[in-house]
C-alpha cells in the first residue's frame, strides 16, 4: 500500500486525512513495513467506513489488517448510540469467533514426552472438521436457551464450572439476544448441536509459555515459564454465517429505506435504533452466545481428554475473548463518557485497568489480550492499558493473512507441512489436508512484527509468548 496516502503521527500511528464524505479520519496502528505490505483495499475500506452515520473519533485498523467484506479484517469502528448504525460488515460472518485459553498445572517436561498421545486423544474427543457433529444435541426449546444464555446454560447442564464463567467476557452470556430474530434456516444449519471446532482457520493448540516479558503482570495472571496452555479458536459455525447472510439482505433494504449512502455493498447497515438494526443486533448477540457455549463444551471435552492422559491435570479457564462482535460499551469521547456501539471485526477488545467488566483477579493490570499466531510460530498474551482508549480499547487478533486461501493451497501441501512441523517439534493432526495447506504458517504475516507494532503503539503491552507443541485443525 502507498504509504504516501497517510499522515504519519508517529512510528506506529498513521492517519488518513478526512476528505470528501468522510465524517472522521482513518487510522492504522502499525509499522511502516506492515502498512506497505497491506493491500490497497484496506485504505479504501477504512475511508468508506469513515462515511457511515454516527461514527466516532476515527475509522480504525490494526497491524494485522487485510481486505475483508465492507470493513477490513482488523477493523474497529464505534457509533453513537442514538445517531449511529449497526452493520454486518463490521462484525463479519462468524459472529463471536474468538479464543478460549486454558491454563494447566502441567509443564513442558510433563507433556512433551506424551504430546502425540495427548493430541491423538484430543483429536478423538473434540469433534472438528466440516459438517462435524457436536456432543450436545438440543431440542427446539434448548436451542433458544443456548442463544439467550450462552455458556451459562451449558455450565448449568454440567459442562464446566461457575468459575469458568468468571473468566469469559460478559461471563459468557451476552444481554440483548433475540432468538426470534434468527431465521429458521440459520437454526436448521445449526443442526441443534453444540461443541464442534469446525474447519478453516479454527484450531485447538497445546502450547507452553516460552517467554515472559512482564513479570508483575504475569504473576497477576498466574503465568509461569514452561507452563502448558491450550488455546481453542472457533466461533458460531454455520449459525453465525447464516445470520450474516440473512441480515446482509435486510440491511441492504434498510440502507435504502433510511437513505444511508453506501460506498461498498457489504457496508449496508441500519440505524441502531431502527427495527431492522435492533433485530440484527439481537440475532448477532445470539451468535455470540452460541460461540461462547460452543467453546465452553469444547473446553469441557479438553479437560476430559487431558484427564485420560494426565490423571492429576488441572485445566482452568484463563480467559476467553471474541474478535468478531458489536458491543454496547462505555467510552470517553471528546472528554465525555458515553455509550457507543463498538464493531470489532478481526480485532480484540483490550480493556485497560479498573474496568468493571474484567475479572477481579485481573482488574488491576487490565484485560488479558489473546493474540493467536500460526501453528508454526507463536501466540501472545498481552494486557490492556489505559492508553488503549484512543482505539476504543482494541488490539489486533492474530498475524493476519499475507496470502489468499486459494494461493496457499497452490503453494503448500498438507502432508509436507505435517512433516516440516513435526521436525520442529510440533505434532499436527488435521481433518483436511487442503484445509491444512490454507493455514500454512507462511500464508500469514509475521506475528512477532504485528504484536510488536501493537506493543509499541501502546494499545496493549506484551506479557508472555507461547510456543506450540501440538495442533488440531478442522
Protein backbone atom coordinates (compact mmCIF):
# COMPACT_ATOMS: atom_id res chain seq x y z
CA UNK A 1 0.00 0.00 0.00
CA UNK A 2 1.23 3.51 -0.81
CA UNK A 3 2.48 5.00 2.46
CA UNK A 4 2.23 8.48 0.94
CA UNK A 5 -1.55 8.29 1.35
CA UNK A 6 -1.10 8.56 5.11
CA UNK A 7 -0.11 11.28 7.51
CA UNK A 8 2.43 9.91 9.98
CA UNK A 9 1.55 10.64 13.62
CA UNK A 10 4.44 8.58 14.99
CA UNK A 11 6.28 5.36 14.10
CA UNK A 12 3.19 3.21 14.86
CA UNK A 13 0.21 5.50 14.21
CA UNK A 14 -0.85 6.71 10.77
CA UNK A 15 -3.81 8.78 9.63
CA UNK A 16 -5.94 9.01 6.50
CA UNK A 17 -6.98 12.69 6.46
CA UNK A 18 -10.72 13.37 6.34
CA UNK A 19 -11.76 14.15 2.77
CA UNK A 20 -14.95 14.07 0.70
CA UNK A 21 -17.84 12.42 2.53
CA UNK A 22 -15.65 11.05 5.35
CA UNK A 23 -17.09 12.11 8.71
CA UNK A 24 -13.90 11.23 10.62
CA UNK A 25 -10.31 10.42 9.66
CA UNK A 26 -8.99 6.89 9.23
CA UNK A 27 -6.24 5.46 11.44
CA UNK A 28 -3.89 2.50 11.23
CA UNK A 29 -1.78 1.35 14.17
CA UNK A 30 1.14 -0.44 12.50
CA UNK A 31 4.75 -0.11 11.44
CA UNK A 32 5.72 1.42 8.09
CA UNK A 33 6.73 -2.03 6.82
CA UNK A 34 3.40 -3.63 7.73
CA UNK A 35 1.42 -0.84 6.07
CA UNK A 36 3.48 -1.03 2.89
CA UNK A 37 2.74 -4.77 2.75
CA UNK A 38 -1.05 -4.27 3.12
CA UNK A 39 -3.29 -4.37 0.07
CA UNK A 40 -4.71 -1.06 -1.21
CA UNK A 41 -8.22 -2.20 -0.37
CA UNK A 42 -7.52 -1.58 3.33
CA UNK A 43 -7.12 2.17 2.67
CA UNK A 44 -10.31 2.19 0.58
CA UNK A 45 -12.36 0.29 3.13
CA UNK A 46 -11.16 2.43 6.04
CA UNK A 47 -12.16 5.53 4.10
CA UNK A 48 -15.60 4.06 3.29
CA UNK A 49 -16.31 3.11 6.90
CA UNK A 50 -15.45 6.69 7.89
CA UNK A 51 -18.50 7.91 5.90
CA UNK A 52 -21.08 5.99 7.98
CA UNK A 53 -23.58 7.93 10.13
CA UNK A 54 -22.73 8.42 13.80
CA UNK A 55 -19.15 7.17 13.59
CA UNK A 56 -17.00 8.39 16.49
CA UNK A 57 -13.38 9.64 16.53
CA UNK A 58 -11.94 7.57 13.65
CA UNK A 59 -12.26 4.55 11.40
CA UNK A 60 -9.52 2.28 12.74
CA UNK A 61 -7.41 -0.65 11.52
CA UNK A 62 -4.92 -2.79 13.42
CA UNK A 63 -1.47 -4.02 12.43
CA UNK A 64 -2.85 -7.31 11.08
CA UNK A 65 -5.38 -5.60 8.79
CA UNK A 66 -6.22 -7.01 5.37
CA UNK A 67 -9.08 -6.81 2.89
CA UNK A 68 -12.48 -8.01 4.12
CA UNK A 69 -16.18 -7.60 3.27
CA UNK A 70 -17.15 -3.98 3.92
CA UNK A 71 -14.84 -3.40 6.87
CA UNK A 72 -11.23 -4.51 6.64
CA UNK A 73 -10.40 -7.52 8.77
CA UNK A 74 -8.63 -5.94 11.71
CA UNK A 75 -11.14 -3.06 11.59
CA UNK A 76 -12.67 -1.17 14.52
CA UNK A 77 -15.41 1.47 14.47
CA UNK A 78 -17.67 2.88 17.18
CA UNK A 79 -21.05 4.51 16.60
CA UNK A 80 -23.18 6.87 18.64
CA UNK A 81 -25.98 5.05 20.47
CA UNK A 82 -28.61 7.45 19.12
CA UNK A 83 -27.40 8.53 15.70
CA UNK A 84 -25.21 5.59 14.71
CA UNK A 85 -25.66 2.42 12.68
CA UNK A 86 -25.09 -1.32 13.02
CA UNK A 87 -23.53 -3.31 10.17
CA UNK A 88 -22.96 -6.96 9.27
CA UNK A 89 -19.73 -5.85 7.57
CA UNK A 90 -18.41 -4.60 10.90
CA UNK A 91 -18.86 -7.99 12.58
CA UNK A 92 -18.36 -10.49 9.78
CA UNK A 93 -19.94 -13.85 9.02
CA UNK A 94 -18.63 -15.67 12.10
CA UNK A 95 -20.07 -13.59 14.90
CA UNK A 96 -18.46 -14.45 18.22
CA UNK A 97 -15.40 -16.08 16.72
CA UNK A 98 -12.71 -15.90 19.38
CA UNK A 99 -10.24 -17.69 21.64
CA UNK A 100 -10.59 -19.61 24.89
CA UNK A 101 -7.24 -20.02 26.66
CA UNK A 102 -6.97 -22.78 29.23
CA UNK A 103 -4.06 -22.88 31.68
CA UNK A 104 -2.85 -26.04 33.41
CA UNK A 105 -0.68 -27.15 36.30
CA UNK A 106 1.46 -29.13 33.84
CA UNK A 107 4.85 -28.18 32.45
CA UNK A 108 6.61 -28.73 29.15
CA UNK A 109 8.61 -31.50 30.80
CA UNK A 110 5.38 -33.28 31.78
CA UNK A 111 3.64 -33.04 28.42
CA UNK A 112 6.26 -33.09 25.68
CA UNK A 113 7.09 -36.81 26.08
CA UNK A 114 3.38 -37.64 25.66
CA UNK A 115 2.37 -34.97 23.15
CA UNK A 116 1.43 -37.43 20.39
CA UNK A 117 -0.67 -39.47 22.79
CA UNK A 118 -2.37 -36.31 24.08
CA UNK A 119 -3.09 -34.80 20.65
CA UNK A 120 -4.42 -38.14 19.37
CA UNK A 121 -6.74 -38.32 22.38
CA UNK A 122 -7.99 -34.76 21.87
CA UNK A 123 -8.42 -35.45 18.15
CA UNK A 124 -10.77 -38.32 19.06
CA UNK A 125 -12.54 -36.37 21.82
CA UNK A 126 -13.24 -32.97 20.23
CA UNK A 127 -15.43 -33.01 17.10
CA UNK A 128 -13.85 -30.99 14.29
CA UNK A 129 -13.95 -30.53 10.53
CA UNK A 130 -16.60 -29.55 8.02
CA UNK A 131 -20.01 -30.99 8.96
CA UNK A 132 -18.82 -32.38 12.30
CA UNK A 133 -21.47 -33.30 14.87
CA UNK A 134 -21.48 -31.84 18.36
CA UNK A 135 -21.59 -33.57 21.73
CA UNK A 136 -24.84 -31.93 22.89
CA UNK A 137 -27.98 -32.48 20.84
CA UNK A 138 -30.63 -29.85 21.55
CA UNK A 139 -34.40 -29.64 21.38
CA UNK A 140 -36.02 -26.56 19.82
CA UNK A 141 -36.57 -25.04 23.26
CA UNK A 142 -33.00 -25.78 24.31
CA UNK A 143 -31.61 -24.13 21.17
CA UNK A 144 -33.40 -20.91 22.15
CA UNK A 145 -31.99 -21.17 25.68
CA UNK A 146 -28.44 -21.51 24.34
CA UNK A 147 -28.96 -18.49 22.08
CA UNK A 148 -30.25 -16.46 25.04
CA UNK A 149 -27.84 -17.62 27.75
CA UNK A 150 -24.69 -18.87 26.02
CA UNK A 151 -22.06 -20.58 28.17
CA UNK A 152 -24.20 -20.08 31.29
CA UNK A 153 -26.76 -22.62 30.01
CA UNK A 154 -24.02 -25.10 29.14
CA UNK A 155 -22.44 -24.87 32.59
CA UNK A 156 -25.84 -25.41 34.22
CA UNK A 157 -26.08 -28.67 32.26
CA UNK A 158 -22.80 -29.88 33.77
CA UNK A 159 -20.31 -28.91 31.07
CA UNK A 160 -17.83 -26.92 33.15
CA UNK A 161 -17.95 -24.85 36.32
CA UNK A 162 -19.16 -21.48 37.55
CA UNK A 163 -15.51 -20.43 37.79
CA UNK A 164 -15.26 -20.79 34.00
CA UNK A 165 -17.89 -18.09 33.56
CA UNK A 166 -15.94 -15.60 35.68
CA UNK A 167 -13.13 -15.61 33.11
CA UNK A 168 -15.21 -15.27 29.92
CA UNK A 169 -16.05 -11.81 28.57
CA UNK A 170 -19.58 -10.85 29.66
CA UNK A 171 -19.45 -14.03 31.79
CA UNK A 172 -20.26 -15.98 28.63
CA UNK A 173 -23.81 -14.60 28.35
CA UNK A 174 -24.48 -11.55 26.17
CA UNK A 175 -27.54 -9.46 27.05
CA UNK A 176 -29.88 -8.43 24.24
CA UNK A 177 -30.03 -11.76 22.38
CA UNK A 178 -33.27 -12.25 20.40
CA UNK A 179 -33.76 -15.85 19.24
CA UNK A 180 -36.96 -14.74 17.49
CA UNK A 181 -34.76 -12.64 15.17
CA UNK A 182 -32.85 -15.74 13.97
CA UNK A 183 -34.21 -17.35 10.80
CA UNK A 184 -35.42 -20.95 10.63
CA UNK A 185 -32.71 -21.61 8.04
CA UNK A 186 -30.00 -20.42 10.45
CA UNK A 187 -31.41 -22.69 13.15
CA UNK A 188 -31.55 -25.59 10.70
CA UNK A 189 -27.91 -25.07 9.71
CA UNK A 190 -27.01 -25.02 13.39
CA UNK A 191 -28.28 -28.64 13.47
CA UNK A 192 -29.32 -28.45 17.12
CA UNK A 193 -25.84 -29.31 18.34
CA UNK A 194 -23.05 -27.52 20.16
CA UNK A 195 -19.41 -28.36 20.85
CA UNK A 196 -17.61 -28.56 17.48
CA UNK A 197 -14.32 -26.98 16.46
CA UNK A 198 -15.26 -26.53 12.82
CA UNK A 199 -12.85 -26.04 9.92
CA UNK A 200 -10.91 -23.27 8.16
CA UNK A 201 -8.64 -21.29 10.46
CA UNK A 202 -10.16 -22.79 13.61
CA UNK A 203 -7.87 -24.86 15.78
CA UNK A 204 -7.12 -26.44 19.11
CA UNK A 205 -3.49 -25.97 20.14
CA UNK A 206 -1.33 -27.22 23.01
CA UNK A 207 1.36 -24.65 23.85
CA UNK A 208 3.84 -23.73 26.55
CA UNK A 209 4.92 -20.36 27.95
CA UNK A 210 8.16 -19.75 26.08
CA UNK A 211 8.97 -16.20 27.20
CA UNK A 212 7.74 -13.82 29.89
CA UNK A 213 8.12 -10.10 29.19
CA UNK A 214 6.34 -8.55 32.18
CA UNK A 215 6.95 -10.46 35.40
CA UNK A 216 4.50 -8.48 37.54
CA UNK A 217 1.54 -8.81 35.17
CA UNK A 218 2.40 -12.47 34.53
CA UNK A 219 2.24 -13.06 38.28
CA UNK A 220 -1.23 -11.47 38.42
CA UNK A 221 -2.30 -13.71 35.54
CA UNK A 222 -0.79 -16.83 37.13
CA UNK A 223 1.66 -17.42 34.28
CA UNK A 224 4.92 -19.32 34.66
CA UNK A 225 7.72 -20.24 32.27
CA UNK A 226 7.15 -23.63 30.55
CA UNK A 227 3.52 -23.79 31.78
CA UNK A 228 1.22 -25.73 29.44
CA UNK A 229 -1.73 -23.91 27.87
CA UNK A 230 -4.48 -24.96 25.47
CA UNK A 231 -5.97 -22.44 23.04
CA UNK A 232 -9.35 -23.06 21.40
CA UNK A 233 -10.11 -20.87 18.38
CA UNK A 234 -13.60 -21.19 16.89
CA UNK A 235 -16.90 -19.33 16.60
CA UNK A 236 -20.61 -19.63 15.86
CA UNK A 237 -20.20 -22.05 12.95
CA UNK A 238 -22.95 -22.23 10.29
CA UNK A 239 -25.42 -20.42 12.57
CA UNK A 240 -23.38 -17.22 12.58
CA UNK A 241 -22.70 -17.42 8.85
CA UNK A 242 -26.39 -17.71 8.06
CA UNK A 243 -27.28 -14.83 10.38
CA UNK A 244 -24.78 -12.68 8.49
CA UNK A 245 -26.15 -13.81 5.12
CA UNK A 246 -29.77 -13.20 6.17
CA UNK A 247 -29.15 -9.71 7.51
CA UNK A 248 -26.97 -8.58 4.63
CA UNK A 249 -30.23 -8.58 2.63
CA UNK A 250 -32.28 -6.99 5.43
CA UNK A 251 -29.75 -4.19 5.96
CA UNK A 252 -29.43 -3.57 2.21
CA UNK A 253 -33.14 -2.72 2.16
CA UNK A 254 -32.76 -0.70 5.37
CA UNK A 255 -29.93 1.37 3.86
CA UNK A 256 -32.24 2.38 1.01
CA UNK A 257 -35.20 2.91 3.32
CA UNK A 258 -33.30 5.28 5.62
CA UNK A 259 -31.34 6.99 2.85
CA UNK A 260 -27.87 5.93 4.01
CA UNK A 261 -25.28 6.32 1.22
CA UNK A 262 -23.32 3.08 0.78
CA UNK A 263 -19.88 3.03 -0.87
CA UNK A 264 -19.49 -0.77 -0.86
CA UNK A 265 -22.16 -3.47 -0.99
CA UNK A 266 -21.09 -5.17 2.25
CA UNK A 267 -21.25 -1.87 4.16
CA UNK A 268 -25.05 -1.96 4.18
CA UNK A 269 -26.40 -1.00 7.57
CA UNK A 270 -29.37 0.24 9.56
CA UNK A 271 -29.77 2.86 12.27
CA UNK A 272 -29.07 1.23 15.64
CA UNK A 273 -32.47 2.30 16.97
CA UNK A 274 -34.45 1.12 13.93
CA UNK A 275 -36.43 -2.12 13.93
CA UNK A 276 -34.02 -3.64 11.40
CA UNK A 277 -30.98 -2.53 13.41
CA UNK A 278 -32.38 -3.91 16.66
CA UNK A 279 -33.25 -7.25 15.08
CA UNK A 280 -29.80 -7.65 13.56
CA UNK A 281 -28.16 -6.71 16.86
CA UNK A 282 -30.36 -9.24 18.69
CA UNK A 283 -29.59 -12.00 16.18
CA UNK A 284 -25.87 -11.18 16.29
CA UNK A 285 -25.92 -11.45 20.10
CA UNK A 286 -27.39 -14.94 19.65
CA UNK A 287 -24.36 -15.84 17.50
CA UNK A 288 -22.04 -14.52 20.22
CA UNK A 289 -23.81 -16.59 22.87
CA UNK A 290 -23.69 -19.68 20.69
CA UNK A 291 -19.94 -19.20 20.20
CA UNK A 292 -19.39 -18.93 23.97
CA UNK A 293 -21.45 -22.08 24.51
CA UNK A 294 -19.54 -23.88 21.77
CA UNK A 295 -16.14 -23.11 23.29
CA UNK A 296 -17.42 -24.00 26.76
CA UNK A 297 -18.35 -27.51 25.64
CA UNK A 298 -15.01 -27.92 23.84
CA UNK A 299 -13.17 -26.78 26.99
CA UNK A 300 -15.05 -29.44 28.97
CA UNK A 301 -14.06 -32.09 26.41
CA UNK A 302 -10.44 -30.94 26.56
CA UNK A 303 -10.47 -31.45 30.33
CA UNK A 304 -11.78 -34.97 29.84
CA UNK A 305 -9.09 -35.71 27.25
CA UNK A 306 -6.31 -34.38 29.49
CA UNK A 307 -7.54 -36.42 32.46
CA UNK A 308 -7.21 -39.65 30.49
CA UNK A 309 -3.55 -38.97 29.72
CA UNK A 310 -2.64 -36.94 32.84
CA UNK A 311 -4.95 -38.03 35.71
CA UNK A 312 -3.69 -35.24 38.02
CA UNK A 313 -4.06 -32.45 35.45
CA UNK A 314 -5.80 -29.25 36.49
CA UNK A 315 -7.20 -27.39 33.46
CA UNK A 316 -8.73 -23.98 34.20
CA UNK A 317 -10.13 -21.20 32.05
CA UNK A 318 -7.52 -18.43 31.89
CA UNK A 319 -9.61 -16.11 29.70
CA UNK A 320 -11.94 -16.07 26.71
CA UNK A 321 -12.44 -13.16 24.34
CA UNK A 322 -14.14 -12.82 20.94
CA UNK A 323 -12.76 -10.87 18.00
CA UNK A 324 -15.86 -10.60 15.75
CA UNK A 325 -18.55 -8.62 17.54
CA UNK A 326 -20.57 -5.47 18.08
CA UNK A 327 -20.91 -4.43 21.72
CA UNK A 328 -22.54 -1.53 23.55
CA UNK A 329 -19.68 -0.14 25.66
CA UNK A 330 -18.94 2.99 27.65
CA UNK A 331 -16.04 5.05 26.28
CA UNK A 332 -14.57 8.52 26.66
CA UNK A 333 -15.49 10.59 23.60
CA UNK A 334 -14.20 14.18 23.48
CA UNK A 335 -13.89 14.26 27.25
CA UNK A 336 -17.36 12.82 27.89
CA UNK A 337 -18.29 9.30 28.96
CA UNK A 338 -20.93 7.83 26.64
CA UNK A 339 -22.32 4.54 25.35
CA UNK A 340 -21.21 3.63 21.83
CA UNK A 341 -21.66 0.51 19.71
CA UNK A 342 -18.16 -0.79 19.01
CA UNK A 343 -17.76 -3.02 15.95
CA UNK A 344 -14.64 -5.20 16.04
CA UNK A 345 -14.02 -7.40 13.02
CA UNK A 346 -10.88 -9.44 13.41
CA UNK A 347 -9.94 -7.18 16.31
CA UNK A 348 -9.78 -8.00 20.01
CA UNK A 349 -11.17 -5.99 22.89
CA UNK A 350 -8.32 -4.83 25.15
CA UNK A 351 -9.79 -3.04 28.18
CA UNK A 352 -7.32 -1.22 30.41
CA UNK A 353 -7.11 -1.45 34.21
CA UNK A 354 -10.04 -0.98 36.56
CA UNK A 355 -12.82 -1.67 34.06
CA UNK A 356 -15.66 -3.27 35.98
CA UNK A 357 -16.23 -5.73 33.10
CA UNK A 358 -12.96 -7.54 33.96
CA UNK A 359 -12.50 -10.47 36.37
CA UNK A 360 -11.41 -9.16 39.76
CA UNK A 361 -8.06 -11.04 39.77
CA UNK A 362 -7.05 -9.24 36.57
CA UNK A 363 -8.68 -5.86 37.10
CA UNK A 364 -5.64 -4.01 38.48
CA UNK A 365 -3.47 -4.80 35.42
CA UNK A 366 -6.04 -4.80 32.62
CA UNK A 367 -7.64 -7.40 30.41
CA UNK A 368 -5.70 -10.36 29.03
CA UNK A 369 -5.45 -9.91 25.26
CA UNK A 370 -5.13 -13.21 23.36
CA UNK A 371 -3.28 -12.98 20.03
CA UNK A 372 -3.16 -16.23 18.06
CA UNK A 373 -0.29 -16.82 15.69
CA UNK A 374 0.15 -19.78 13.36
CA UNK A 375 0.70 -23.44 14.11
CA UNK A 376 4.40 -23.00 13.30
CA UNK A 377 5.19 -19.78 15.17
CA UNK A 378 3.92 -18.22 18.41
CA UNK A 379 0.87 -16.92 20.20
CA UNK A 380 0.95 -14.00 22.63
CA UNK A 381 -0.73 -12.80 25.80
CA UNK A 382 -0.82 -9.02 26.18
CA UNK A 383 -2.58 -6.83 28.73
CA UNK A 384 -4.81 -3.84 28.13
CA UNK A 385 -3.56 -0.36 29.08
CA UNK A 386 -5.29 2.96 29.71
CA UNK A 387 -3.75 4.47 26.57
CA UNK A 388 -5.77 2.00 24.51
CA UNK A 389 -8.85 4.20 24.88
CA UNK A 390 -7.82 6.09 21.73
CA UNK A 391 -8.61 2.90 19.77
CA UNK A 392 -11.71 2.06 21.87
CA UNK A 393 -9.53 -0.37 23.85
CA UNK A 394 -8.87 -2.61 20.85
CA UNK A 395 -5.96 -4.68 19.61
CA UNK A 396 -5.02 -6.95 16.71
CA UNK A 397 -6.36 -10.52 16.88
CA UNK A 398 -3.67 -12.53 15.11
CA UNK A 399 -0.98 -12.46 12.47
CA UNK A 400 -3.29 -11.55 9.58
CA UNK A 401 -3.26 -13.29 6.23
CA UNK A 402 -0.49 -12.45 3.77
CA UNK A 403 -1.74 -14.90 1.12
CA UNK A 404 -5.23 -15.92 -0.02
CA UNK A 405 -6.52 -19.40 0.78
CA UNK A 406 -6.50 -20.28 -2.91
CA UNK A 407 -2.89 -19.17 -3.33
CA UNK A 408 -1.86 -21.08 -0.19
CA UNK A 409 -3.40 -24.32 -1.47
CA UNK A 410 -1.46 -23.95 -4.71
CA UNK A 411 1.83 -23.38 -2.92
CA UNK A 412 1.70 -25.73 0.07
CA UNK A 413 0.87 -29.42 0.63
CA UNK A 414 -0.75 -30.64 3.83
CA UNK A 415 1.35 -33.78 4.21
CA UNK A 416 4.56 -31.85 3.62
CA UNK A 417 3.55 -29.29 6.26
CA UNK A 418 2.90 -32.04 8.81
CA UNK A 419 6.42 -33.40 8.29
CA UNK A 420 8.03 -29.96 8.42
CA UNK A 421 6.20 -29.03 11.61
CA UNK A 422 6.98 -32.34 13.27
CA UNK A 423 10.67 -31.72 12.52
CA UNK A 424 10.26 -28.52 14.59
CA UNK A 425 8.70 -30.43 17.49
CA UNK A 426 5.08 -29.62 16.63
CA UNK A 427 2.73 -32.60 16.22
CA UNK A 428 -0.27 -31.82 13.97
CA UNK A 429 -3.49 -33.72 13.30
CA UNK A 430 -5.89 -32.42 10.64
CA UNK A 431 -9.28 -33.45 9.29
CA UNK A 432 -8.49 -31.96 5.87
CA UNK A 433 -5.15 -31.79 4.08
CA UNK A 434 -6.32 -28.98 1.78
CA UNK A 435 -7.62 -27.08 4.80
CA UNK A 436 -4.24 -27.54 6.46
CA UNK A 437 -2.47 -26.13 3.39
CA UNK A 438 -4.67 -22.99 3.60
CA UNK A 439 -3.32 -22.40 7.10
CA UNK A 440 0.38 -22.83 6.33
CA UNK A 441 2.48 -20.54 8.57
CA UNK A 442 3.94 -18.76 5.53
CA UNK A 443 0.41 -17.82 4.37
CA UNK A 444 0.36 -15.34 7.28
CA UNK A 445 2.24 -12.22 8.26
CA UNK A 446 4.97 -12.50 10.89
CA UNK A 447 3.01 -12.45 14.14
CA UNK A 448 6.08 -11.13 16.01
CA UNK A 449 6.05 -7.97 13.88
CA UNK A 450 2.30 -7.48 14.28
CA UNK A 451 2.43 -7.85 18.08
CA UNK A 452 5.48 -5.59 18.31
CA UNK A 453 3.56 -2.86 16.48
CA UNK A 454 0.60 -3.09 18.88
CA UNK A 455 3.00 -3.09 21.85
CA UNK A 456 4.92 -0.07 20.57
CA UNK A 457 1.69 1.76 19.67
CA UNK A 458 0.78 1.31 23.36
CA UNK A 459 -2.63 -0.21 22.63
CA UNK A 460 -1.73 -3.30 24.66
CA UNK A 461 1.55 -4.47 26.17
CA UNK A 462 3.34 -7.80 25.91
CA UNK A 463 3.14 -10.18 28.86
CA UNK A 464 4.10 -13.60 27.51
CA UNK A 465 4.89 -15.55 24.35
CA UNK A 466 3.68 -19.13 23.85
CA UNK A 467 5.12 -21.74 21.50
CA UNK A 468 3.05 -24.63 20.08
CA UNK A 469 3.93 -28.31 20.54
CA UNK A 470 0.68 -29.83 19.24
CA UNK A 471 -2.15 -28.67 17.00
CA UNK A 472 -5.51 -29.97 15.78
CA UNK A 473 -7.03 -28.44 12.62
CA UNK A 474 -10.56 -28.93 11.36
